[in-house]
Amino acid sequence: MADRILVTGGAGFIGRHLAHALLRRGYHVRVLDNLIEQVHGSRPAVGTRDADGEIDLVIGDVRDDAAVGRALRGIDMVVHLAAEVGVGQSMYAVDRYVSVNDHGTAVLFQHLIAAPVRRVVVASSMSIYGEGLYRDAEGRVVAQAARLPRSGAAHGSAWDPLDEQGRPLTPIPTPEWKQPALASVYAISKFVQERLTLTLAPAYGMEGVALRLWNAYGPGQALSNPYTGVLAIFASRLLNGQRPLVFEDGNQRRDFVHVEDVAAAFVLALEHPRAPGGVFNIASGEDRSVRDVAMLLASAMGRPNLAPEITGQARAGDVRHCIPDLTLAREVLGYAPRRAFTDGLRELSDWVARQRAAEDRVQQARQELEARGLVA
């Protein structure tokens, strides 16, 4: 009999792609999701059946003891995706992020302690690294680079972390051994999720795995959520005929990984015999500046005239550069990202073109941050 897998937060962007990937591999899939409006809109379009098979949907909050108990009945393995996601919002919606991400994970494990499953895979985040690894002018690795709070107006072009002589550091790929530097409430809460999983799972005879995800993108990402998914945020702006907003000078570098590659990584984490106890970076292995990505997306959507608006402002909790080292995921899990960024952008733009323009909430989100002094 095929294993039964619970995906918490499984009606979200990554969760939907993962659920279908699991169905295609013959698993029975159950989803626990509370279908919040910020992610799903006012009328969630969540089906329980499609060409890949049938999904058992449990509507409920991961903090709800009864809902979690129902969702876990008969389950063999768990993928824990349920979380509030958004660095900027986490800096003022502190109680909500800590409650959902950390208390929700505690509720899940309180049930798993009583009725263990075989394996639990948790979605962690690259945000826990803070700034990634850097190299200085002498070629030495700098593992704990930091930038002082600054604005472009006050400090010219010195957005990058500097060495003691005031010279910019050069970003290099960041491996899993780098110590965390938790720069936001979101990062703190994701680290707690990761550590709860890797601590409690083996203590109660279960296998725990953590995947540190970079910036996932692809069709189906929420266009109305201004706090997460930078490509979806840019796409929403462009769909509404507005210029994408890019903070700082736009030269901060990010890795964008297609959601199907992320789903494939979770399947590997569930199935591979060497995965338990591991923490793995999951990304595409190619980094780009945020400015270039905004311009490429505008071109793919047929709106090259909508050049990004470079704000020259810094947001609290943001990091300058963090690019992934995928060596461990490749060697241990056999992970190999397959979706080229240019093809993924074309696919995303085609999907966006078929959507109705969502309410543009980006300016509202920016005003929320400014009102609290979180943008400078």
Protein backbone atom coordinates (compact mmCIF):
# COMPACT_ATOMS: atom_id res chain seq x y z
CA MET A 1 0.00 0.00 0.00
CA ALA A 2 1.31 3.45 -0.92
CA ASP A 3 2.46 5.76 1.85
CA ARG A 4 0.16 8.51 3.04
CA ILE A 5 1.79 11.93 3.20
CA LEU A 6 0.48 15.02 4.97
CA VAL A 7 1.51 18.36 3.50
CA THR A 8 0.80 21.19 5.94
CA GLY A 9 0.21 24.43 4.08
CA GLY A 10 -0.33 22.21 1.06
CA ALA A 11 -2.83 24.48 -0.68
CA GLY A 12 -0.19 27.18 -1.04
CA PHE A 13 2.10 27.82 -3.99
CA ILE A 14 4.80 25.23 -3.28
CA GLY A 15 2.36 22.88 -1.61
CA ARG A 16 0.13 22.54 -4.67
CA HIS A 17 3.05 21.69 -6.93
CA LEU A 18 4.41 19.23 -4.37
CA ALA A 19 1.03 17.55 -3.88
CA HIS A 20 0.73 16.90 -7.61
CA ALA A 21 4.33 15.61 -7.78
CA LEU A 22 3.54 13.18 -4.96
CA LEU A 23 0.32 12.02 -6.59
CA ARG A 24 2.20 11.33 -9.81
CA ARG A 25 4.54 9.07 -7.82
CA GLY A 26 1.63 7.09 -6.43
CA TYR A 27 1.43 8.49 -2.91
CA HIS A 28 -1.80 9.24 -1.09
CA VAL A 29 -1.79 12.95 -0.27
CA ARG A 30 -3.57 14.85 2.48
CA VAL A 31 -3.35 18.62 2.79
CA LEU A 32 -3.90 20.76 5.89
CA ASP A 33 -4.41 24.45 5.07
CA ASN A 34 -6.41 27.34 6.52
CA LEU A 35 -6.76 29.13 3.14
CA ILE A 36 -5.95 32.62 4.46
CA GLU A 37 -6.99 35.52 2.25
CA GLN A 38 -3.52 37.10 1.97
CA VAL A 39 -2.32 34.00 0.11
CA HIS A 40 -5.47 32.60 -1.48
CA GLY A 41 -7.64 35.67 -2.04
CA SER A 42 -11.23 36.12 -0.91
CA ARG A 43 -12.45 33.13 -2.95
CA PRO A 44 -9.90 30.32 -2.73
CA ALA A 45 -9.95 28.09 -5.79
CA VAL A 46 -8.75 24.86 -4.22
CA GLY A 47 -9.70 21.61 -5.88
CA THR A 48 -9.33 18.15 -4.39
CA ARG A 49 -9.26 16.30 -7.70
CA ASP A 50 -7.43 16.69 -10.99
CA ALA A 51 -5.62 14.64 -13.62
CA ASP A 52 -2.96 13.55 -11.13
CA GLY A 53 -5.40 12.10 -8.61
CA GLU A 54 -7.36 13.01 -5.53
CA ILE A 55 -6.20 15.09 -2.58
CA ASP A 56 -7.72 14.74 0.88
CA LEU A 57 -8.17 18.36 1.98
CA VAL A 58 -8.48 19.25 5.67
CA ILE A 59 -9.31 22.93 6.16
CA GLY A 60 -7.86 24.12 9.42
CA ASP A 61 -5.11 26.05 11.16
CA VAL A 62 -1.81 24.36 12.03
CA ARG A 63 -2.22 25.84 15.54
CA ASP A 64 -5.60 24.11 15.97
CA ASP A 65 -5.04 20.98 18.02
CA ALA A 66 -8.16 19.22 16.75
CA ALA A 67 -7.48 20.05 13.09
CA VAL A 68 -3.89 18.81 13.31
CA GLY A 69 -5.07 15.63 15.02
CA ARG A 70 -7.56 14.94 12.21
CA ALA A 71 -4.98 15.67 9.53
CA LEU A 72 -2.41 13.26 11.01
CA ARG A 73 -4.66 10.19 11.26
CA GLY A 74 -3.16 7.32 9.28
CA ILE A 75 -0.24 9.40 7.99
CA ASP A 76 3.19 7.86 7.31
CA MET A 77 5.27 10.97 6.52
CA VAL A 78 4.88 14.75 6.86
CA VAL A 79 6.06 17.71 4.80
CA HIS A 80 5.73 20.82 6.96
CA LEU A 81 5.23 23.89 4.75
CA ALA A 82 2.66 25.77 6.84
CA ALA A 83 4.07 29.20 7.68
CA GLU A 84 3.57 32.92 7.45
CA VAL A 85 6.04 34.08 4.79
CA GLY A 86 7.42 37.59 4.40
CA VAL A 87 10.52 39.26 5.81
CA GLY A 88 9.15 42.80 5.86
CA GLN A 89 5.75 41.97 7.32
CA SER A 90 7.30 39.78 10.00
CA MET A 91 9.03 42.84 11.45
CA TYR A 92 5.72 44.31 12.61
CA ALA A 93 3.28 41.35 12.65
CA VAL A 94 5.54 39.70 15.20
CA ASP A 95 2.91 37.85 17.23
CA ARG A 96 1.30 36.39 14.11
CA TYR A 97 4.55 35.11 12.60
CA VAL A 98 5.84 33.59 15.82
CA SER A 99 2.44 32.07 16.58
CA VAL A 100 1.87 30.43 13.20
CA ASN A 101 5.42 29.39 12.44
CA ASP A 102 6.71 28.34 15.84
CA HIS A 103 3.65 27.55 17.93
CA GLY A 104 2.13 25.82 14.89
CA THR A 105 5.23 23.62 14.58
CA ALA A 106 5.03 22.88 18.32
CA VAL A 107 1.40 21.77 17.99
CA LEU A 108 2.34 19.51 15.08
CA PHE A 109 5.14 17.85 17.06
CA GLN A 110 3.04 17.50 20.18
CA HIS A 111 0.86 15.17 18.12
CA LEU A 112 3.84 13.45 16.49
CA ILE A 113 5.33 12.68 19.89
CA ALA A 114 2.20 10.71 20.73
CA ALA A 115 1.93 9.06 17.31
CA PRO A 116 5.26 9.21 15.44
CA VAL A 117 5.53 9.02 11.66
CA ARG A 118 8.51 7.75 9.70
CA ARG A 119 9.91 11.04 8.34
CA VAL A 120 9.26 14.78 8.70
CA VAL A 121 10.61 17.23 6.12
CA VAL A 122 10.43 20.92 7.04
CA ALA A 123 10.66 23.92 4.74
CA SER A 124 13.39 26.14 6.13
CA SER A 125 14.72 29.27 4.45
CA MET A 126 17.89 30.85 3.13
CA SER A 127 16.91 33.88 5.22
CA ILE A 128 18.40 32.22 8.30
CA TYR A 129 21.93 32.82 6.93
CA GLY A 130 21.48 36.59 6.96
CA GLU A 131 24.31 37.80 4.77
CA GLY A 132 25.90 34.94 2.86
CA LEU A 133 29.58 34.13 2.67
CA TYR A 134 31.95 36.77 1.29
CA ARG A 135 35.58 37.02 0.32
CA ASP A 136 37.75 40.03 1.13
CA ALA A 137 40.37 41.72 -1.06
CA GLU A 138 43.06 39.37 0.29
CA GLY A 139 41.02 36.29 -0.60
CA ARG A 140 39.99 35.44 2.96
CA VAL A 141 36.51 34.05 3.58
CA VAL A 142 34.28 36.28 5.70
CA ALA A 143 31.57 34.20 7.37
CA GLN A 144 29.79 36.88 9.39
CA ALA A 145 29.64 39.93 7.16
CA ALA A 146 27.31 42.68 8.32
CA ARG A 147 26.21 46.05 7.08
CA LEU A 148 25.36 48.98 9.23
CA PRO A 149 21.90 50.48 8.70
CA ARG A 150 22.33 52.90 5.85
CA SER A 151 20.51 54.66 3.05
CA GLY A 152 21.81 55.41 -0.40
CA ALA A 153 21.36 59.14 0.16
CA ALA A 154 23.51 59.10 3.28
CA HIS A 155 26.18 56.67 2.14
CA GLY A 156 26.45 57.05 -1.60
CA SER A 157 26.79 53.67 -3.31
CA ALA A 158 28.10 51.76 -0.26
CA TRP A 159 25.30 49.24 -0.08
CA ASP A 160 27.60 46.22 0.13
CA PRO A 161 29.18 44.96 3.35
CA LEU A 162 32.67 46.39 3.77
CA ASP A 163 35.88 45.14 5.30
CA GLU A 164 37.74 46.99 8.05
CA GLN A 165 39.43 49.17 5.44
CA GLY A 166 36.09 50.17 3.92
CA ARG A 167 36.48 47.99 0.82
CA PRO A 168 33.45 46.08 -0.54
CA LEU A 169 33.38 42.34 0.10
CA THR A 170 32.68 39.93 -2.78
CA PRO A 171 29.80 37.44 -2.34
CA ILE A 172 30.62 33.74 -2.77
CA PRO A 173 28.39 30.63 -2.55
CA THR A 174 27.09 29.89 0.95
CA PRO A 175 27.20 26.28 2.22
CA GLU A 176 25.07 24.81 4.96
CA TRP A 177 27.86 25.00 7.55
CA LYS A 178 27.64 28.79 7.73
CA GLN A 179 26.36 29.89 11.12
CA PRO A 180 22.95 31.62 11.10
CA ALA A 181 22.72 35.40 11.35
CA LEU A 182 19.05 35.98 12.00
CA ALA A 183 18.16 39.42 10.64
CA SER A 184 14.34 39.30 10.74
CA VAL A 185 11.49 37.82 12.75
CA TYR A 186 10.74 35.59 9.77
CA ALA A 187 14.30 34.25 9.78
CA ILE A 188 14.12 33.61 13.53
CA SER A 189 10.83 31.74 13.20
CA LYS A 190 12.09 29.59 10.31
CA PHE A 191 15.21 28.67 12.26
CA VAL A 192 13.01 27.61 15.18
CA GLN A 193 10.93 25.44 12.82
CA GLU A 194 14.11 23.85 11.50
CA ARG A 195 15.60 23.17 14.92
CA LEU A 196 12.36 21.81 16.40
CA THR A 197 12.19 19.32 13.53
CA LEU A 198 15.82 18.21 13.71
CA THR A 199 15.72 17.98 17.51
CA LEU A 200 12.38 16.33 18.16
CA ALA A 201 12.16 13.93 15.22
CA PRO A 202 15.14 11.72 16.17
CA ALA A 203 14.30 11.99 19.87
CA TYR A 204 11.06 10.12 19.15
CA GLY A 205 12.28 7.63 16.56
CA MET A 206 11.46 9.72 13.48
CA GLU A 207 13.68 10.95 10.66
CA GLY A 208 13.98 14.72 10.26
CA VAL A 209 15.12 16.67 7.20
CA ALA A 210 15.31 20.44 6.56
CA LEU A 211 15.41 22.12 3.15
CA ARG A 212 16.64 25.72 3.10
CA LEU A 213 14.77 27.21 0.16
CA TRP A 214 15.85 30.17 -1.96
CA ASN A 215 13.37 32.31 -3.94
CA ALA A 216 10.80 29.99 -5.51
CA TYR A 217 8.84 31.21 -8.53
CA GLY A 218 6.51 29.85 -11.19
CA PRO A 219 2.88 29.70 -12.31
CA GLY A 220 0.30 29.75 -9.55
CA GLN A 221 2.12 32.10 -7.17
CA ALA A 222 -0.19 34.54 -5.40
CA LEU A 223 -0.24 37.84 -7.31
CA SER A 224 -2.17 39.65 -4.57
CA ASN A 225 0.34 39.03 -1.75
CA PRO A 226 2.76 42.00 -1.56
CA TYR A 227 4.96 40.49 1.12
CA THR A 228 6.48 37.43 -0.53
CA GLY A 229 7.60 36.09 -3.89
CA VAL A 230 9.43 38.97 -5.52
CA LEU A 231 8.75 37.75 -9.06
CA ALA A 232 5.03 37.48 -8.33
CA ILE A 233 5.12 40.98 -6.80
CA PHE A 234 6.86 42.35 -9.90
CA ALA A 235 4.42 40.48 -12.17
CA SER A 236 1.42 41.91 -10.33
CA ARG A 237 2.77 45.44 -10.74
CA LEU A 238 3.46 44.91 -14.44
CA LEU A 239 0.03 43.37 -15.00
CA ASN A 240 -1.47 46.54 -13.52
CA GLY A 241 0.68 48.75 -15.77
CA GLN A 242 2.93 49.81 -12.88
CA ARG A 243 6.71 49.80 -12.59
CA PRO A 244 8.21 47.16 -10.29
CA LEU A 245 9.57 48.61 -7.04
CA VAL A 246 13.18 47.64 -6.33
CA PHE A 247 14.76 48.57 -3.00
CA GLU A 248 18.34 49.77 -2.48
CA ASP A 249 20.17 50.22 -5.80
CA GLY A 250 18.85 47.04 -7.41
CA ASN A 251 22.23 45.33 -7.51
CA GLN A 252 21.54 42.96 -4.62
CA ARG A 253 21.84 39.41 -5.92
CA ARG A 254 19.33 36.58 -5.49
CA ASP A 255 18.87 33.01 -6.71
CA PHE A 256 15.46 32.19 -8.25
CA VAL A 257 14.48 28.52 -8.35
CA HIS A 258 11.51 27.12 -10.26
CA VAL A 259 8.78 25.68 -8.07
CA GLU A 260 8.92 22.34 -9.90
CA ASP A 261 12.58 21.99 -8.90
CA VAL A 262 11.59 22.79 -5.32
CA ALA A 263 8.86 20.12 -5.41
CA ALA A 264 11.36 17.60 -6.80
CA ALA A 265 13.71 18.42 -3.90
CA PHE A 266 10.99 17.64 -1.37
CA VAL A 267 10.34 14.29 -3.05
CA LEU A 268 14.05 13.49 -2.77
CA ALA A 269 14.02 14.54 0.89
CA LEU A 270 11.12 12.16 1.54
CA GLU A 271 12.59 9.21 -0.32
CA HIS A 272 16.39 9.32 -0.15
CA PRO A 273 17.91 7.03 2.50
CA ARG A 274 20.74 9.51 3.20
CA ALA A 275 18.47 12.51 3.77
CA PRO A 276 17.60 12.04 7.49
CA GLY A 277 19.35 14.46 9.81
CA GLY A 278 20.42 16.64 6.92
CA VAL A 279 20.04 20.31 6.12
CA PHE A 280 20.18 21.12 2.40
CA ASN A 281 20.26 24.28 0.31
CA ILE A 282 17.69 24.19 -2.49
CA ALA A 283 18.08 26.72 -5.30
CA SER A 284 18.90 26.99 -9.00
CA GLY A 285 22.63 27.63 -8.62
CA GLU A 286 22.44 30.83 -10.70
CA ASP A 287 22.29 34.28 -9.12
CA ARG A 288 21.13 37.55 -10.69
CA SER A 289 20.66 41.13 -9.60
CA VAL A 290 17.12 42.07 -8.63
CA ARG A 291 17.26 44.99 -11.08
CA ASP A 292 18.10 42.64 -13.99
CA VAL A 293 15.34 40.23 -12.99
CA ALA A 294 12.75 43.03 -12.97
CA MET A 295 13.85 44.12 -16.44
CA LEU A 296 13.85 40.55 -17.81
CA LEU A 297 10.34 39.93 -16.48
CA ALA A 298 9.03 43.20 -17.94
CA SER A 299 10.44 42.20 -21.32
CA ALA A 300 8.97 38.68 -21.08
CA MET A 301 5.56 40.19 -20.28
CA GLY A 302 5.77 42.52 -23.26
CA ARG A 303 6.20 45.65 -21.15
CA PRO A 304 9.86 46.62 -21.55
CA ASN A 305 8.91 50.29 -21.16
CA LEU A 306 8.04 49.67 -17.49
CA ALA A 307 11.58 49.87 -16.13
CA PRO A 308 11.93 49.17 -12.40
CA GLU A 309 11.65 52.06 -9.97
CA ILE A 310 14.84 52.00 -7.89
CA THR A 311 13.82 53.34 -4.49
CA GLY A 312 17.26 53.94 -2.96
CA GLN A 313 15.75 52.77 0.33
CA ALA A 314 16.71 49.84 2.56
CA ARG A 315 14.21 47.63 4.37
CA ALA A 316 14.86 46.32 7.87
CA GLY A 317 15.59 42.59 7.76
CA ASP A 318 16.81 42.49 4.15
CA VAL A 319 20.24 41.13 3.29
CA ARG A 320 22.46 42.34 0.47
CA HIS A 321 23.70 39.09 -1.06
CA CYS A 322 23.16 35.43 -0.25
CA ILE A 323 23.87 32.94 -3.02
CA PRO A 324 23.73 29.16 -2.55
CA ASP A 325 26.29 26.40 -2.57
CA LEU A 326 24.41 23.32 -3.81
CA THR A 327 27.24 20.81 -3.39
CA LEU A 328 25.66 18.95 -0.47
CA ALA A 329 22.21 18.63 -2.07
CA ARG A 330 23.77 17.41 -5.32
CA GLU A 331 26.11 14.88 -3.69
CA VAL A 332 23.80 13.51 -0.99
CA LEU A 333 20.30 13.82 -2.48
CA GLY A 334 21.14 13.79 -6.17
CA TYR A 335 19.36 17.12 -6.49
CA ALA A 336 19.75 18.72 -9.92
CA PRO A 337 17.71 21.83 -10.82
CA ARG A 338 16.35 21.39 -14.34
CA ARG A 339 14.31 24.48 -15.19
CA ALA A 340 16.25 27.22 -16.99
CA PHE A 341 15.45 30.72 -15.77
CA THR A 342 14.62 32.07 -19.25
CA ASP A 343 12.14 29.24 -19.84
CA GLY A 344 10.67 29.72 -16.37
CA LEU A 345 10.18 33.45 -16.95
CA ARG A 346 8.44 32.76 -20.25
CA GLU A 347 6.15 30.24 -18.55
CA LEU A 348 5.42 32.66 -15.70
CA SER A 349 4.63 35.53 -18.08
CA ASP A 350 2.30 33.32 -20.14
CA TRP A 351 0.46 32.29 -16.97
CA VAL A 352 0.24 35.87 -15.69
CA ALA A 353 -1.20 36.99 -19.04
CA ARG A 354 -4.18 34.68 -18.42
CA GLN A 355 -4.90 36.12 -14.97
CA ARG A 356 -7.12 39.02 -14.06
CA ALA A 357 -5.21 41.98 -12.69
CA ALA A 358 -5.18 41.61 -8.91
CA GLU A 359 -5.47 44.55 -6.56
CA ASP A 360 -2.05 46.18 -6.35
CA ARG A 361 -1.16 46.18 -2.66
CA VAL A 362 2.54 46.94 -3.04
CA GLN A 363 2.24 50.63 -2.21
CA GLN A 364 0.11 49.79 0.82
CA ALA A 365 2.76 47.34 2.03
CA ARG A 366 5.47 49.95 1.48
CA GLN A 367 3.49 52.51 3.49
CA GLU A 368 3.06 49.99 6.31
CA LEU A 369 6.84 49.60 6.51
CA GLU A 370 7.52 53.34 6.24
CA ALA A 371 4.97 54.16 8.95
CA ARG A 372 6.89 51.91 11.35
CA GLY A 373 10.31 53.23 10.42
CA LEU A 374 11.30 49.95 8.73
CA VAL A 375 12.34 51.61 5.48
CA ALA A 376 15.19 54.12 5.40
